[in-house]
């Protein structure tokens, strides 16, 4: 038996939406957009395509469904973070004043960037971790800190024989 897929079978599977083609980070490539422009015409068999990009691309003869990142309004951040902490059973560790103060600091740290639900959730997790470890609120969450901790958490979910050392993850996160 061969591991190679015949072009006819691939064409059929693409046409019947049995294969989902995912192109992640389209805005970071100069080659892929040109390829997709030619691939996304009426003759192309790609019928299930997901593209992630920060730039809005248009492809010939394709009517896309655009999904945009949900951003929170600054005034909604404390409520969202409070809900995350409550779900973790850690809301009672924060009084309203400290929670609002830290949320304000986080908003200032983002410096005008949108507050995505991912950023807000990572921030809430960082707040919960800080209380458990006894860290003062002033040490909470720089953006690189949030990213590094998130990557570390993802790394812990990797099978132990494939997992990177925490120091390697931190080094790669800061590169």
Protein backbone atom coordinates (compact mmCIF):
# COMPACT_ATOMS: atom_id res chain seq x y z
CA UNK A 1 0.00 0.00 0.00
CA UNK A 2 1.27 3.46 -0.86
CA UNK A 3 1.13 6.47 1.47
CA UNK A 4 0.66 8.81 -1.46
CA UNK A 5 -2.83 10.07 -2.29
CA UNK A 6 -3.77 9.99 -5.95
CA UNK A 7 -4.56 13.35 -7.49
CA UNK A 8 -7.97 12.06 -8.64
CA UNK A 9 -8.90 10.98 -5.10
CA UNK A 10 -7.63 14.28 -3.68
CA UNK A 11 -9.65 16.22 -6.26
CA UNK A 12 -12.79 14.20 -5.41
CA UNK A 13 -12.33 14.62 -1.63
CA UNK A 14 -11.79 18.37 -1.99
CA UNK A 15 -14.82 18.73 -4.23
CA UNK A 16 -17.06 16.79 -1.81
CA UNK A 17 -15.84 18.87 1.17
CA UNK A 18 -14.21 15.83 2.77
CA UNK A 19 -10.98 17.77 3.22
CA UNK A 20 -10.79 21.10 4.99
CA UNK A 21 -7.91 23.26 3.77
CA UNK A 22 -6.62 25.61 6.48
CA UNK A 23 -4.25 28.46 5.65
CA UNK A 24 -3.12 30.11 8.87
CA UNK A 25 -1.46 33.51 8.88
CA UNK A 26 -2.14 34.45 5.28
CA UNK A 27 -1.02 38.01 5.96
CA UNK A 28 2.47 36.73 6.83
CA UNK A 29 3.13 35.25 3.38
CA UNK A 30 3.67 36.75 -0.03
CA UNK A 31 3.47 33.46 -1.96
CA UNK A 32 0.28 31.91 -0.54
CA UNK A 33 -2.09 34.79 -1.48
CA UNK A 34 -1.07 34.51 -5.16
CA UNK A 35 -1.51 30.72 -5.05
CA UNK A 36 -4.92 30.99 -3.41
CA UNK A 37 -6.11 33.59 -5.90
CA UNK A 38 -5.57 31.08 -8.69
CA UNK A 39 -6.80 28.11 -6.62
CA UNK A 40 -10.04 29.82 -5.53
CA UNK A 41 -11.68 30.13 -8.89
CA UNK A 42 -14.70 28.30 -10.23
CA UNK A 43 -12.55 25.43 -11.57
CA UNK A 44 -10.73 24.75 -8.30
CA UNK A 45 -11.86 21.76 -6.26
CA UNK A 46 -11.30 23.47 -2.89
CA UNK A 47 -14.79 23.72 -1.41
CA UNK A 48 -13.91 23.90 2.29
CA UNK A 49 -11.31 26.55 3.01
CA UNK A 50 -10.47 28.44 6.20
CA UNK A 51 -8.06 31.36 5.97
CA UNK A 52 -6.78 33.33 8.95
CA UNK A 53 -5.46 36.79 8.25
CA UNK A 54 -5.34 40.24 9.77
CA UNK A 55 -5.77 41.68 6.29
CA UNK A 56 -9.02 41.33 4.36
CA UNK A 57 -8.26 39.41 1.15
CA UNK A 58 -10.61 38.91 -1.75
CA UNK A 59 -10.43 35.93 -4.06
CA UNK A 60 -11.98 35.66 -7.51
CA UNK A 61 -15.45 34.12 -7.63
CA UNK A 62 -15.50 33.33 -3.89
CA UNK A 63 -17.98 34.83 -1.48
CA UNK A 64 -16.38 34.36 1.93
CA UNK A 65 -17.97 34.31 5.33
CA UNK A 66 -15.85 36.65 7.42
CA UNK A 67 -15.40 35.91 11.10
CA UNK A 68 -13.75 38.66 13.09
CA UNK A 69 -12.11 38.43 16.47
CA UNK A 70 -14.47 39.41 19.25
CA UNK A 71 -13.10 42.34 21.20
CA UNK A 72 -14.33 43.48 24.57
CA UNK A 73 -15.06 47.09 25.39
CA UNK A 74 -12.77 48.35 28.15
CA UNK A 75 -15.71 48.80 30.52
CA UNK A 76 -16.69 45.13 30.05
CA UNK A 77 -13.27 43.77 31.01
CA UNK A 78 -13.84 43.68 34.81
CA UNK A 79 -17.10 41.76 34.37
CA UNK A 80 -15.47 39.29 31.97
CA UNK A 81 -12.44 38.77 34.24
CA UNK A 82 -14.73 38.44 37.25
CA UNK A 83 -16.67 35.71 35.44
CA UNK A 84 -13.44 33.86 34.58
CA UNK A 85 -12.26 34.04 38.20
CA UNK A 86 -15.67 32.90 39.44
CA UNK A 87 -15.62 29.91 37.09
CA UNK A 88 -12.21 28.97 38.55
CA UNK A 89 -13.57 29.38 42.08
CA UNK A 90 -11.15 32.26 42.74
CA UNK A 91 -13.33 35.38 42.51
CA UNK A 92 -13.54 35.69 46.30
CA UNK A 93 -9.76 36.18 46.45
CA UNK A 94 -10.11 39.60 44.79
CA UNK A 95 -12.04 42.55 46.15
CA UNK A 96 -13.71 44.77 43.55
CA UNK A 97 -11.28 47.65 44.00
CA UNK A 98 -8.15 45.55 43.38
CA UNK A 99 -9.79 43.78 40.46
CA UNK A 100 -10.77 47.08 38.82
CA UNK A 101 -7.30 48.55 39.47
CA UNK A 102 -5.60 45.59 37.81
CA UNK A 103 -8.03 45.64 34.89
CA UNK A 104 -7.28 49.31 34.34
CA UNK A 105 -3.55 48.61 34.39
CA UNK A 106 -4.05 45.79 31.87
CA UNK A 107 -6.04 48.09 29.56
CA UNK A 108 -3.23 50.66 29.74
CA UNK A 109 -0.66 47.94 29.04
CA UNK A 110 -2.48 46.97 25.85
CA UNK A 111 -1.91 50.56 24.68
CA UNK A 112 -4.93 50.89 22.43
CA UNK A 113 -4.90 47.35 21.02
CA UNK A 114 -8.22 45.57 21.11
CA UNK A 115 -9.01 43.48 24.17
CA UNK A 116 -9.69 40.05 22.71
CA UNK A 117 -11.38 37.41 24.80
CA UNK A 118 -8.15 35.39 24.63
CA UNK A 119 -6.13 38.28 26.12
CA UNK A 120 -8.77 38.79 28.80
CA UNK A 121 -8.87 35.09 29.69
CA UNK A 122 -5.08 34.88 29.89
CA UNK A 123 -5.08 37.97 32.10
CA UNK A 124 -7.73 36.45 34.39
CA UNK A 125 -5.69 33.24 34.67
CA UNK A 126 -2.61 35.30 35.48
CA UNK A 127 -4.51 37.15 38.22
CA UNK A 128 -5.63 33.85 39.73
CA UNK A 129 -2.08 32.45 39.58
CA UNK A 130 -0.66 35.59 41.22
CA UNK A 131 -2.98 35.28 44.23
CA UNK A 132 -2.05 31.62 44.66
CA UNK A 133 1.68 32.33 44.49
CA UNK A 134 1.42 35.44 46.69
CA UNK A 135 2.89 37.78 44.07
CA UNK A 136 2.12 41.47 44.46
CA UNK A 137 -0.29 42.86 41.85
CA UNK A 138 2.45 45.15 40.47
CA UNK A 139 4.17 42.10 38.99
CA UNK A 140 1.12 41.06 37.02
CA UNK A 141 1.07 40.50 33.33
CA UNK A 142 3.14 42.17 30.75
CA UNK A 143 2.09 41.06 27.28
CA UNK A 144 5.27 38.94 26.86
CA UNK A 145 4.60 37.42 30.29
CA UNK A 146 1.08 36.41 29.25
CA UNK A 147 2.32 34.89 26.00
CA UNK A 148 5.17 33.06 27.71
CA UNK A 149 2.87 31.62 30.39
CA UNK A 150 0.30 30.58 27.78
CA UNK A 151 2.95 28.82 25.70
CA UNK A 152 4.26 27.15 28.86
CA UNK A 153 0.77 25.92 29.68
CA UNK A 154 0.34 24.59 26.13
CA UNK A 155 3.75 22.92 26.39
CA UNK A 156 2.60 21.05 29.51
CA UNK A 157 -0.20 19.48 27.46
CA UNK A 158 2.29 17.98 25.00
CA UNK A 159 3.25 14.34 25.52
CA UNK A 160 6.25 14.20 27.85
CA UNK A 161 8.56 12.64 25.24
CA UNK A 162 7.86 15.55 22.84
CA UNK A 163 7.69 18.37 25.41
CA UNK A 164 10.29 21.14 25.37
CA UNK A 165 12.06 22.32 28.47
CA UNK A 166 10.32 25.35 30.04
CA UNK A 167 13.48 27.42 29.53
CA UNK A 168 13.39 26.60 25.79
CA UNK A 169 9.74 27.65 25.54
CA UNK A 170 10.54 30.95 27.29
CA UNK A 171 13.52 31.52 25.00
CA UNK A 172 11.45 30.87 21.88
CA UNK A 173 8.62 33.08 23.17
CA UNK A 174 11.00 36.00 23.63
CA UNK A 175 12.62 35.61 20.18
